């Protein structure tokens, strides 16, 4: 569904998105790297559990929240990819609790 308009192999980084190794260009947003890789689900809705995805893709709507390198609630559309980054779909519900282990 999504594809990159650039076709050269310059400035590539590799990140892990939900267990899938994804190649992206340095400076590309996490959301665009996810979309090109076919992983458009960013989080589950807290109450309904339905899949959510980026809506505005410019940092206004907060629909693209993901866990990046163990840090939850990161906006995928605003964060830039980095080599070795680990991105996970977020699943926050009424039953989950905040974890401050990484702080």
PDB file of N, CA and C in Angstrom:
ATOM      1  N   UNK A   1       0.824  -1.191   0.000  1.00  0.00           N
ATOM      2  CA  UNK A   1       0.000   0.000   0.000  1.00  0.00           C
ATOM      3  C   UNK A   1       0.870   1.258   0.000  1.00  0.00           C
ATOM      4  N   UNK A   2       1.882   1.323   0.869  1.00  0.00           N
ATOM      5  CA  UNK A   2       2.793   2.463   0.906  1.00  0.00           C
ATOM      6  C   UNK A   2       4.110   2.048   0.276  1.00  0.00           C
ATOM      7  N   UNK A   3       4.801   3.010  -0.313  1.00  0.00           N
ATOM      8  CA  UNK A   3       6.124   2.742  -0.850  1.00  0.00           C
ATOM      9  C   UNK A   3       6.957   4.017  -0.756  1.00  0.00           C
ATOM     10  N   UNK A   4       8.256   3.836  -0.717  1.00  0.00           N
ATOM     11  CA  UNK A   4       9.165   4.960  -0.667  1.00  0.00           C
ATOM     12  C   UNK A   4       9.343   5.522  -2.070  1.00  0.00           C
ATOM     13  N   UNK A   5       9.460   6.830  -2.173  1.00  0.00           N
ATOM     14  CA  UNK A   5       9.689   7.460  -3.467  1.00  0.00           C
ATOM     15  C   UNK A   5      11.172   7.470  -3.820  1.00  0.00           C
ATOM     16  N   UNK A   6      12.031   7.199  -2.839  1.00  0.00           N
ATOM     17  CA  UNK A   6      13.464   7.134  -3.093  1.00  0.00           C
ATOM     18  C   UNK A   6      13.845   5.680  -3.331  1.00  0.00           C
ATOM     19  N   UNK A   7      14.752   5.459  -4.260  1.00  0.00           N
ATOM     20  CA  UNK A   7      15.129   4.088  -4.562  1.00  0.00           C
ATOM     21  C   UNK A   7      16.632   3.835  -4.454  1.00  0.00           C
ATOM     22  N   UNK A   8      17.379   4.771  -3.886  1.00  0.00           N
ATOM     23  CA  UNK A   8      18.809   4.528  -3.717  1.00  0.00           C
ATOM     24  C   UNK A   8      19.060   3.873  -2.351  1.00  0.00           C
ATOM     25  N   UNK A   9      20.269   3.416  -2.154  1.00  0.00           N
ATOM     26  CA  UNK A   9      20.607   2.710  -0.919  1.00  0.00           C
ATOM     27  C   UNK A   9      21.497   3.548  -0.004  1.00  0.00           C
ATOM     28  N   UNK A  10      21.407   4.842  -0.090  1.00  0.00           N
ATOM     29  CA  UNK A  10      22.230   5.711   0.749  1.00  0.00           C
ATOM     30  C   UNK A  10      21.609   5.897   2.129  1.00  0.00           C
ATOM     31  N   UNK A  11      22.443   6.021   3.133  1.00  0.00           N
ATOM     32  CA  UNK A  11      22.034   6.358   4.499  1.00  0.00           C
ATOM     33  C   UNK A  11      20.946   5.440   5.050  1.00  0.00           C
ATOM     34  N   UNK A  12      21.111   4.133   4.897  1.00  0.00           N
ATOM     35  CA  UNK A  12      20.117   3.190   5.391  1.00  0.00           C
ATOM     36  C   UNK A  12      20.408   2.788   6.831  1.00  0.00           C
ATOM     37  N   UNK A  13      19.359   2.592   7.609  1.00  0.00           N
ATOM     38  CA  UNK A  13      19.448   2.069   8.965  1.00  0.00           C
ATOM     39  C   UNK A  13      18.497   0.879   9.063  1.00  0.00           C
ATOM     40  N   UNK A  14      18.739   0.028  10.048  1.00  0.00           N
ATOM     41  CA  UNK A  14      17.867  -1.122  10.269  1.00  0.00           C
ATOM     42  C   UNK A  14      17.261  -1.008  11.656  1.00  0.00           C
ATOM     43  N   UNK A  15      15.959  -1.203  11.748  1.00  0.00           N
ATOM     44  CA  UNK A  15      15.271  -1.189  13.025  1.00  0.00           C
ATOM     45  C   UNK A  15      14.371  -2.414  13.113  1.00  0.00           C
ATOM     46  N   UNK A  16      13.976  -2.738  14.328  1.00  0.00           N
ATOM     47  CA  UNK A  16      13.122  -3.888  14.591  1.00  0.00           C
ATOM     48  C   UNK A  16      11.730  -3.362  14.905  1.00  0.00           C
ATOM     49  N   UNK A  17      10.746  -3.742  14.088  1.00  0.00           N
ATOM     50  CA  UNK A  17       9.367  -3.321  14.306  1.00  0.00           C
ATOM     51  C   UNK A  17       8.539  -4.574  14.578  1.00  0.00           C
ATOM     52  N   UNK A  18       8.138  -4.745  15.816  1.00  0.00           N
ATOM     53  CA  UNK A  18       7.348  -5.914  16.231  1.00  0.00           C
ATOM     54  C   UNK A  18       7.981  -7.223  15.772  1.00  0.00           C
ATOM     55  N   UNK A  19       9.298  -7.313  15.891  1.00  0.00           N
ATOM     56  CA  UNK A  19      10.005  -8.536  15.532  1.00  0.00           C
ATOM     57  C   UNK A  19      10.433  -8.624  14.081  1.00  0.00           C
ATOM     58  N   UNK A  20      10.025  -7.688  13.241  1.00  0.00           N
ATOM     59  CA  UNK A  20      10.397  -7.675  11.825  1.00  0.00           C
ATOM     60  C   UNK A  20      11.540  -6.682  11.622  1.00  0.00           C
ATOM     61  N   UNK A  21      12.612  -7.133  10.978  1.00  0.00           N
ATOM     62  CA  UNK A  21      13.707  -6.230  10.673  1.00  0.00           C
ATOM     63  C   UNK A  21      13.304  -5.360   9.477  1.00  0.00           C
ATOM     64  N   UNK A  22      13.382  -4.061   9.669  1.00  0.00           N
ATOM     65  CA  UNK A  22      12.928  -3.094   8.673  1.00  0.00           C
ATOM     66  C   UNK A  22      14.094  -2.179   8.310  1.00  0.00           C
ATOM     67  N   UNK A  23      14.285  -1.957   7.029  1.00  0.00           N
ATOM     68  CA  UNK A  23      15.304  -1.033   6.551  1.00  0.00           C
ATOM     69  C   UNK A  23      14.628   0.291   6.206  1.00  0.00           C
ATOM     70  N   UNK A  24      15.224   1.374   6.686  1.00  0.00           N
ATOM     71  CA  UNK A  24      14.662   2.706   6.442  1.00  0.00           C
ATOM     72  C   UNK A  24      15.809   3.674   6.183  1.00  0.00           C
ATOM     73  N   UNK A  25      15.472   4.843   5.707  1.00  0.00           N
ATOM     74  CA  UNK A  25      16.477   5.874   5.462  1.00  0.00           C
ATOM     75  C   UNK A  25      16.667   6.732   6.708  1.00  0.00           C
ATOM     76  N   UNK A  26      17.900   7.069   6.977  1.00  0.00           N
ATOM     77  CA  UNK A  26      18.219   7.954   8.083  1.00  0.00           C
ATOM     78  C   UNK A  26      17.405   9.238   7.927  1.00  0.00           C
ATOM     79  N   UNK A  27      16.745   9.676   8.995  1.00  0.00           N
ATOM     80  CA  UNK A  27      15.923  10.877   8.946  1.00  0.00           C
ATOM     81  C   UNK A  27      14.457  10.609   8.685  1.00  0.00           C
ATOM     82  N   UNK A  28      14.131   9.400   8.271  1.00  0.00           N
ATOM     83  CA  UNK A  28      12.733   9.020   8.010  1.00  0.00           C
ATOM     84  C   UNK A  28      11.997   8.876   9.343  1.00  0.00           C
ATOM     85  N   UNK A  29      10.707   9.166   9.369  1.00  0.00           N
ATOM     86  CA  UNK A  29       9.944   9.000  10.603  1.00  0.00           C
ATOM     87  C   UNK A  29       9.698   7.520  10.874  1.00  0.00           C
ATOM     88  N   UNK A  30       9.546   7.189  12.132  1.00  0.00           N
ATOM     89  CA  UNK A  30       9.234   5.812  12.516  1.00  0.00           C
ATOM     90  C   UNK A  30       7.928   5.384  11.855  1.00  0.00           C
ATOM     91  N   UNK A  31       6.938   6.278  11.844  1.00  0.00           N
ATOM     92  CA  UNK A  31       5.649   5.924  11.236  1.00  0.00           C
ATOM     93  C   UNK A  31       5.803   5.580   9.758  1.00  0.00           C
ATOM     94  N   UNK A  32       6.558   6.368   9.003  1.00  0.00           N
ATOM     95  CA  UNK A  32       6.695   6.083   7.578  1.00  0.00           C
ATOM     96  C   UNK A  32       7.448   4.775   7.353  1.00  0.00           C
ATOM     97  N   UNK A  33       8.434   4.475   8.186  1.00  0.00           N
ATOM     98  CA  UNK A  33       9.145   3.202   8.072  1.00  0.00           C
ATOM     99  C   UNK A  33       8.194   2.039   8.357  1.00  0.00           C
ATOM    100  N   UNK A  34       7.327   2.200   9.361  1.00  0.00           N
ATOM    101  CA  UNK A  34       6.338   1.163   9.677  1.00  0.00           C
ATOM    102  C   UNK A  34       5.376   0.970   8.504  1.00  0.00           C
ATOM    103  N   UNK A  35       4.906   2.065   7.940  1.00  0.00           N
ATOM    104  CA  UNK A  35       3.930   1.995   6.848  1.00  0.00           C
ATOM    105  C   UNK A  35       4.512   1.315   5.619  1.00  0.00           C
ATOM    106  N   UNK A  36       5.743   1.673   5.252  1.00  0.00           N
ATOM    107  CA  UNK A  36       6.381   1.064   4.088  1.00  0.00           C
ATOM    108  C   UNK A  36       6.582  -0.434   4.323  1.00  0.00           C
ATOM    109  N   UNK A  37       6.801  -0.826   5.584  1.00  0.00           N
ATOM    110  CA  UNK A  37       6.995  -2.239   5.928  1.00  0.00           C
ATOM    111  C   UNK A  37       5.668  -2.992   6.068  1.00  0.00           C
ATOM    112  N   UNK A  38       4.553  -2.286   5.906  1.00  0.00           N
ATOM    113  CA  UNK A  38       3.248  -2.933   5.998  1.00  0.00           C
ATOM    114  C   UNK A  38       2.729  -3.092   7.404  1.00  0.00           C
ATOM    115  N   UNK A  39       3.339  -2.411   8.363  1.00  0.00           N
ATOM    116  CA  UNK A  39       2.896  -2.476   9.756  1.00  0.00           C
ATOM    117  C   UNK A  39       2.270  -1.140  10.139  1.00  0.00           C
ATOM    118  N   UNK A  40       1.002  -0.995   9.853  1.00  0.00           N
ATOM    119  CA  UNK A  40       0.338   0.284  10.084  1.00  0.00           C
ATOM    120  C   UNK A  40      -0.345   0.388  11.443  1.00  0.00           C
ATOM    121  N   UNK A  41      -0.457  -0.700  12.167  1.00  0.00           N
ATOM    122  CA  UNK A  41      -1.076  -0.639  13.501  1.00  0.00           C
ATOM    123  C   UNK A  41      -0.050  -0.134  14.503  1.00  0.00           C
ATOM    124  N   UNK A  42      -0.374   0.975  15.182  1.00  0.00           N
ATOM    125  CA  UNK A  42       0.556   1.545  16.150  1.00  0.00           C
ATOM    126  C   UNK A  42       0.180   1.206  17.586  1.00  0.00           C
ATOM    127  N   UNK A  43      -1.111   1.106  17.852  1.00  0.00           N
ATOM    128  CA  UNK A  43      -1.542   0.813  19.220  1.00  0.00           C
ATOM    129  C   UNK A  43      -2.938   0.220  19.203  1.00  0.00           C
ATOM    130  N   UNK A  44      -3.350  -0.269  20.376  1.00  0.00           N
ATOM    131  CA  UNK A  44      -4.720  -0.743  20.566  1.00  0.00           C
ATOM    132  C   UNK A  44      -5.463   0.337  21.348  1.00  0.00           C
ATOM    133  N   UNK A  45      -6.712   0.588  20.980  1.00  0.00           N
ATOM    134  CA  UNK A  45      -7.529   1.559  21.719  1.00  0.00           C
ATOM    135  C   UNK A  45      -7.707   1.060  23.147  1.00  0.00           C
ATOM    136  N   UNK A  46      -7.573   1.950  24.120  1.00  0.00           N
ATOM    137  CA  UNK A  46      -7.593   1.566  25.530  1.00  0.00           C
ATOM    138  C   UNK A  46      -8.885   0.879  25.954  1.00  0.00           C
ATOM    139  N   UNK A  47     -10.013   1.349  25.513  1.00  0.00           N
ATOM    140  CA  UNK A  47     -11.280   0.772  25.964  1.00  0.00           C
ATOM    141  C   UNK A  47     -11.794  -0.340  25.057  1.00  0.00           C
ATOM    142  N   UNK A  48     -11.767  -0.135  23.760  1.00  0.00           N
ATOM    143  CA  UNK A  48     -12.343  -1.127  22.844  1.00  0.00           C
ATOM    144  C   UNK A  48     -11.348  -2.206  22.424  1.00  0.00           C
ATOM    145  N   UNK A  49     -10.044  -1.915  22.520  1.00  0.00           N
ATOM    146  CA  UNK A  49      -9.041  -2.862  22.070  1.00  0.00           C
ATOM    147  C   UNK A  49      -8.857  -2.881  20.560  1.00  0.00           C
ATOM    148  N   UNK A  50      -9.544  -1.990  19.846  1.00  0.00           N
ATOM    149  CA  UNK A  50      -9.439  -1.939  18.394  1.00  0.00           C
ATOM    150  C   UNK A  50      -8.085  -1.376  17.954  1.00  0.00           C
ATOM    151  N   UNK A  51      -7.636  -1.838  16.805  1.00  0.00           N
ATOM    152  CA  UNK A  51      -6.371  -1.361  16.250  1.00  0.00           C
ATOM    153  C   UNK A  51      -6.484   0.112  15.868  1.00  0.00           C
ATOM    154  N   UNK A  52      -5.446   0.877  16.186  1.00  0.00           N
ATOM    155  CA  UNK A  52      -5.372   2.295  15.826  1.00  0.00           C
ATOM    156  C   UNK A  52      -4.139   2.498  14.954  1.00  0.00           C
ATOM    157  N   UNK A  53      -4.122   3.609  14.253  1.00  0.00           N
ATOM    158  CA  UNK A  53      -3.001   3.930  13.384  1.00  0.00           C
ATOM    159  C   UNK A  53      -2.875   5.443  13.293  1.00  0.00           C
ATOM    160  N   UNK A  54      -1.841   5.903  12.627  1.00  0.00           N
ATOM    161  CA  UNK A  54      -1.656   7.343  12.465  1.00  0.00           C
ATOM    162  C   UNK A  54      -2.855   7.939  11.745  1.00  0.00           C
ATOM    163  N   UNK A  55      -3.290   9.072  12.219  1.00  0.00           N
ATOM    164  CA  UNK A  55      -4.423   9.760  11.607  1.00  0.00           C
ATOM    165  C   UNK A  55      -3.930  11.012  10.884  1.00  0.00           C
ATOM    166  N   UNK A  56      -3.235  11.870  11.612  1.00  0.00           N
ATOM    167  CA  UNK A  56      -2.770  13.114  10.991  1.00  0.00           C
ATOM    168  C   UNK A  56      -1.324  12.999  10.488  1.00  0.00           C
ATOM    169  N   UNK A  57      -0.541  12.117  11.102  1.00  0.00           N
ATOM    170  CA  UNK A  57       0.868  11.908  10.764  1.00  0.00           C
ATOM    171  C   UNK A  57       1.710  13.186  10.845  1.00  0.00           C
ATOM    172  N   UNK A  58       1.289  14.121  11.723  1.00  0.00           N
ATOM    173  CA  UNK A  58       2.094  15.330  11.933  1.00  0.00           C
ATOM    174  C   UNK A  58       2.124  15.774  13.394  1.00  0.00           C
ATOM    175  N   UNK A  59       1.797  14.847  14.320  1.00  0.00           N
ATOM    176  CA  UNK A  59       1.974  15.119  15.740  1.00  0.00           C
ATOM    177  C   UNK A  59       0.821  15.754  16.470  1.00  0.00           C
ATOM    178  N   UNK A  60      -0.333  15.863  15.852  1.00  0.00           N
ATOM    179  CA  UNK A  60      -1.461  16.535  16.489  1.00  0.00           C
ATOM    180  C   UNK A  60      -2.421  15.561  17.180  1.00  0.00           C
ATOM    181  N   UNK A  61      -2.654  14.403  16.582  1.00  0.00           N
ATOM    182  CA  UNK A  61      -3.748  13.531  17.043  1.00  0.00           C
ATOM    183  C   UNK A  61      -3.351  12.498  18.099  1.00  0.00           C
ATOM    184  N   UNK A  62      -2.103  12.140  18.242  1.00  0.00           N
ATOM    185  CA  UNK A  62      -1.610  11.157  19.208  1.00  0.00           C
ATOM    186  C   UNK A  62      -2.127   9.736  18.953  1.00  0.00           C
ATOM    187  N   UNK A  63      -2.526   9.429  17.745  1.00  0.00           N
ATOM    188  CA  UNK A  63      -2.994   8.084  17.410  1.00  0.00           C
ATOM    189  C   UNK A  63      -1.828   7.140  17.115  1.00  0.00           C
ATOM    190  N   UNK A  64      -0.665   7.663  16.863  1.00  0.00           N
ATOM    191  CA  UNK A  64       0.464   6.836  16.436  1.00  0.00           C
ATOM    192  C   UNK A  64       1.416   6.480  17.579  1.00  0.00           C
ATOM    193  N   UNK A  65       0.913   6.441  18.805  1.00  0.00           N
ATOM    194  CA  UNK A  65       1.755   6.144  19.959  1.00  0.00           C
ATOM    195  C   UNK A  65       2.290   4.721  19.899  1.00  0.00           C
ATOM    196  N   UNK A  66       3.612   4.577  20.056  1.00  0.00           N
ATOM    197  CA  UNK A  66       4.279   3.282  20.065  1.00  0.00           C
ATOM    198  C   UNK A  66       5.288   3.249  21.215  1.00  0.00           C
ATOM    199  N   UNK A  67       5.816   2.078  21.453  1.00  0.00           N
ATOM    200  CA  UNK A  67       6.879   1.899  22.422  1.00  0.00           C
ATOM    201  C   UNK A  67       8.183   1.853  21.633  1.00  0.00           C
ATOM    202  N   UNK A  68       9.106   2.758  21.927  1.00  0.00           N
ATOM    203  CA  UNK A  68      10.391   2.803  21.233  1.00  0.00           C
ATOM    204  C   UNK A  68      11.506   2.591  22.240  1.00  0.00           C
ATOM    205  N   UNK A  69      12.270   1.538  22.027  1.00  0.00           N
ATOM    206  CA  UNK A  69      13.392   1.193  22.901  1.00  0.00           C
ATOM    207  C   UNK A  69      12.985   1.146  24.366  1.00  0.00           C
ATOM    208  N   UNK A  70      11.802   0.582  24.624  1.00  0.00           N
ATOM    209  CA  UNK A  70      11.322   0.406  25.996  1.00  0.00           C
ATOM    210  C   UNK A  70      10.610   1.608  26.586  1.00  0.00           C
ATOM    211  N   UNK A  71      10.524   2.692  25.850  1.00  0.00           N
ATOM    212  CA  UNK A  71       9.866   3.905  26.336  1.00  0.00           C
ATOM    213  C   UNK A  71       8.498   4.040  25.671  1.00  0.00           C
ATOM    214  N   UNK A  72       7.411   3.920  26.446  1.00  0.00           N
ATOM    215  CA  UNK A  72       6.068   3.977  25.851  1.00  0.00           C
ATOM    216  C   UNK A  72       5.652   5.401  25.488  1.00  0.00           C
ATOM    217  N   UNK A  73       4.542   5.482  24.770  1.00  0.00           N
ATOM    218  CA  UNK A  73       3.897   6.756  24.428  1.00  0.00           C
ATOM    219  C   UNK A  73       4.752   7.683  23.574  1.00  0.00           C
ATOM    220  N   UNK A  74       5.469   7.108  22.619  1.00  0.00           N
ATOM    221  CA  UNK A  74       6.269   7.889  21.678  1.00  0.00           C
ATOM    222  C   UNK A  74       5.483   8.064  20.389  1.00  0.00           C
ATOM    223  N   UNK A  75       5.401   9.271  19.892  1.00  0.00           N
ATOM    224  CA  UNK A  75       4.683   9.526  18.645  1.00  0.00           C
ATOM    225  C   UNK A  75       5.545   9.098  17.462  1.00  0.00           C
ATOM    226  N   UNK A  76       5.099   8.046  16.779  1.00  0.00           N
ATOM    227  CA  UNK A  76       5.867   7.482  15.672  1.00  0.00           C
ATOM    228  C   UNK A  76       6.036   8.465  14.520  1.00  0.00           C
ATOM    229  N   UNK A  77       5.099   9.371  14.359  1.00  0.00           N
ATOM    230  CA  UNK A  77       5.204  10.318  13.248  1.00  0.00           C
ATOM    231  C   UNK A  77       6.226  11.418  13.516  1.00  0.00           C
ATOM    232  N   UNK A  78       6.596  11.630  14.769  1.00  0.00           N
ATOM    233  CA  UNK A  78       7.549  12.687  15.103  1.00  0.00           C
ATOM    234  C   UNK A  78       8.956  12.173  15.373  1.00  0.00           C
ATOM    235  N   UNK A  79       9.088  10.912  15.725  1.00  0.00           N
ATOM    236  CA  UNK A  79      10.399  10.327  16.011  1.00  0.00           C
ATOM    237  C   UNK A  79      11.071   9.876  14.726  1.00  0.00           C
ATOM    238  N   UNK A  80      12.360  10.057  14.637  1.00  0.00           N
ATOM    239  CA  UNK A  80      13.149   9.651  13.477  1.00  0.00           C
ATOM    240  C   UNK A  80      13.770   8.282  13.749  1.00  0.00           C
ATOM    241  N   UNK A  81      13.900   7.485  12.714  1.00  0.00           N
ATOM    242  CA  UNK A  81      14.488   6.162  12.864  1.00  0.00           C
ATOM    243  C   UNK A  81      15.958   6.273  13.256  1.00  0.00           C
ATOM    244  N   UNK A  82      16.433   5.250  13.952  1.00  0.00           N
ATOM    245  CA  UNK A  82      17.844   5.147  14.318  1.00  0.00           C
ATOM    246  C   UNK A  82      18.253   3.694  14.171  1.00  0.00           C
ATOM    247  N   UNK A  83      19.491   3.478  13.822  1.00  0.00           N
ATOM    248  CA  UNK A  83      19.975   2.120  13.632  1.00  0.00           C
ATOM    249  C   UNK A  83      19.853   1.338  14.942  1.00  0.00           C
ATOM    250  N   UNK A  84      19.254   0.151  14.877  1.00  0.00           N
ATOM    251  CA  UNK A  84      19.093  -0.699  16.043  1.00  0.00           C
ATOM    252  C   UNK A  84      17.867  -0.402  16.889  1.00  0.00           C
ATOM    253  N   UNK A  85      17.077   0.580  16.514  1.00  0.00           N
ATOM    254  CA  UNK A  85      15.881   0.958  17.264  1.00  0.00           C
ATOM    255  C   UNK A  85      14.911  -0.224  17.330  1.00  0.00           C
ATOM    256  N   UNK A  86      14.227  -0.372  18.475  1.00  0.00           N
ATOM    257  CA  UNK A  86      13.215  -1.410  18.634  1.00  0.00           C
ATOM    258  C   UNK A  86      11.867  -0.747  18.866  1.00  0.00           C
ATOM    259  N   UNK A  87      10.928  -1.009  17.958  1.00  0.00           N
ATOM    260  CA  UNK A  87       9.601  -0.396  17.995  1.00  0.00           C
ATOM    261  C   UNK A  87       8.560  -1.487  18.222  1.00  0.00           C
ATOM    262  N   UNK A  88       7.670  -1.244  19.183  1.00  0.00           N
ATOM    263  CA  UNK A  88       6.595  -2.194  19.475  1.00  0.00           C
ATOM    264  C   UNK A  88       5.244  -1.488  19.451  1.00  0.00           C
ATOM    265  N   UNK A  89       4.251  -2.186  18.906  1.00  0.00           N
ATOM    266  CA  UNK A  89       2.874  -1.698  18.978  1.00  0.00           C
ATOM    267  C   UNK A  89       2.492  -1.612  20.446  1.00  0.00           C
ATOM    268  N   UNK A  90       1.824  -0.558  20.824  1.00  0.00           N
ATOM    269  CA  UNK A  90       1.452  -0.348  22.215  1.00  0.00           C
ATOM    270  C   UNK A  90       0.094  -0.971  22.498  1.00  0.00           C
ATOM    271  N   UNK A  91      -0.020  -1.614  23.639  1.00  0.00           N
ATOM    272  CA  UNK A  91      -1.279  -2.216  24.056  1.00  0.00           C
ATOM    273  C   UNK A  91      -1.573  -1.761  25.470  1.00  0.00           C
ATOM    274  N   UNK A  92      -2.216  -0.622  25.596  1.00  0.00           N
ATOM    275  CA  UNK A  92      -2.549  -0.062  26.903  1.00  0.00           C
ATOM    276  C   UNK A  92      -4.054  -0.174  27.101  1.00  0.00           C
ATOM    277  N   UNK A  93      -4.435  -0.774  28.206  1.00  0.00           N
ATOM    278  CA  UNK A  93      -5.862  -0.941  28.501  1.00  0.00           C
ATOM    279  C   UNK A  93      -6.133  -0.537  29.941  1.00  0.00           C
ATOM    280  N   UNK A  94      -7.371  -0.699  30.366  1.00  0.00           N
ATOM    281  CA  UNK A  94      -7.727  -0.396  31.746  1.00  0.00           C
ATOM    282  C   UNK A  94      -6.976  -1.292  32.723  1.00  0.00           C
ATOM    283  N   UNK A  95      -6.514  -2.449  32.243  1.00  0.00           N
ATOM    284  CA  UNK A  95      -5.862  -3.420  33.107  1.00  0.00           C
ATOM    285  C   UNK A  95      -4.347  -3.264  33.191  1.00  0.00           C
ATOM    286  N   UNK A  96      -3.745  -2.445  32.320  1.00  0.00           N
ATOM    287  CA  UNK A  96      -2.287  -2.283  32.359  1.00  0.00           C
ATOM    288  C   UNK A  96      -1.918  -1.182  33.340  1.00  0.00           C
ATOM    289  N   UNK A  97      -0.699  -1.283  33.848  1.00  0.00           N
ATOM    290  CA  UNK A  97      -0.210  -0.305  34.799  1.00  0.00           C
ATOM    291  C   UNK A  97       1.064   0.329  34.259  1.00  0.00           C
ATOM    292  N   UNK A  98       1.332   1.533  34.707  1.00  0.00           N
ATOM    293  CA  UNK A  98       2.574   2.214  34.326  1.00  0.00           C
ATOM    294  C   UNK A  98       3.743   1.475  34.941  1.00  0.00           C
ATOM    295  N   UNK A  99       4.842   1.400  34.198  1.00  0.00           N
ATOM    296  CA  UNK A  99       6.031   0.718  34.658  1.00  0.00           C
ATOM    297  C   UNK A  99       7.163   1.727  34.678  1.00  0.00           C
ATOM    298  N   UNK A 100       7.732   1.956  35.847  1.00  0.00           N
ATOM    299  CA  UNK A 100       8.818   2.932  35.944  1.00  0.00           C
ATOM    300  C   UNK A 100      10.178   2.248  36.059  1.00  0.00           C
ATOM    301  N   UNK A 101      10.249   0.985  35.676  1.00  0.00           N
ATOM    302  CA  UNK A 101      11.481   0.220  35.796  1.00  0.00           C
ATOM    303  C   UNK A 101      12.627   0.840  34.999  1.00  0.00           C
ATOM    304  N   UNK A 102      12.321   1.455  33.872  1.00  0.00           N
ATOM    305  CA  UNK A 102      13.361   2.033  33.028  1.00  0.00           C
ATOM    306  C   UNK A 102      13.766   3.431  33.431  1.00  0.00           C
ATOM    307  N   UNK A 103      13.162   3.988  34.447  1.00  0.00           N
ATOM    308  CA  UNK A 103      13.497   5.359  34.845  1.00  0.00           C
ATOM    309  C   UNK A 103      14.519   5.420  35.939  1.00  0.00           C
TER     310      UNK A 103
END
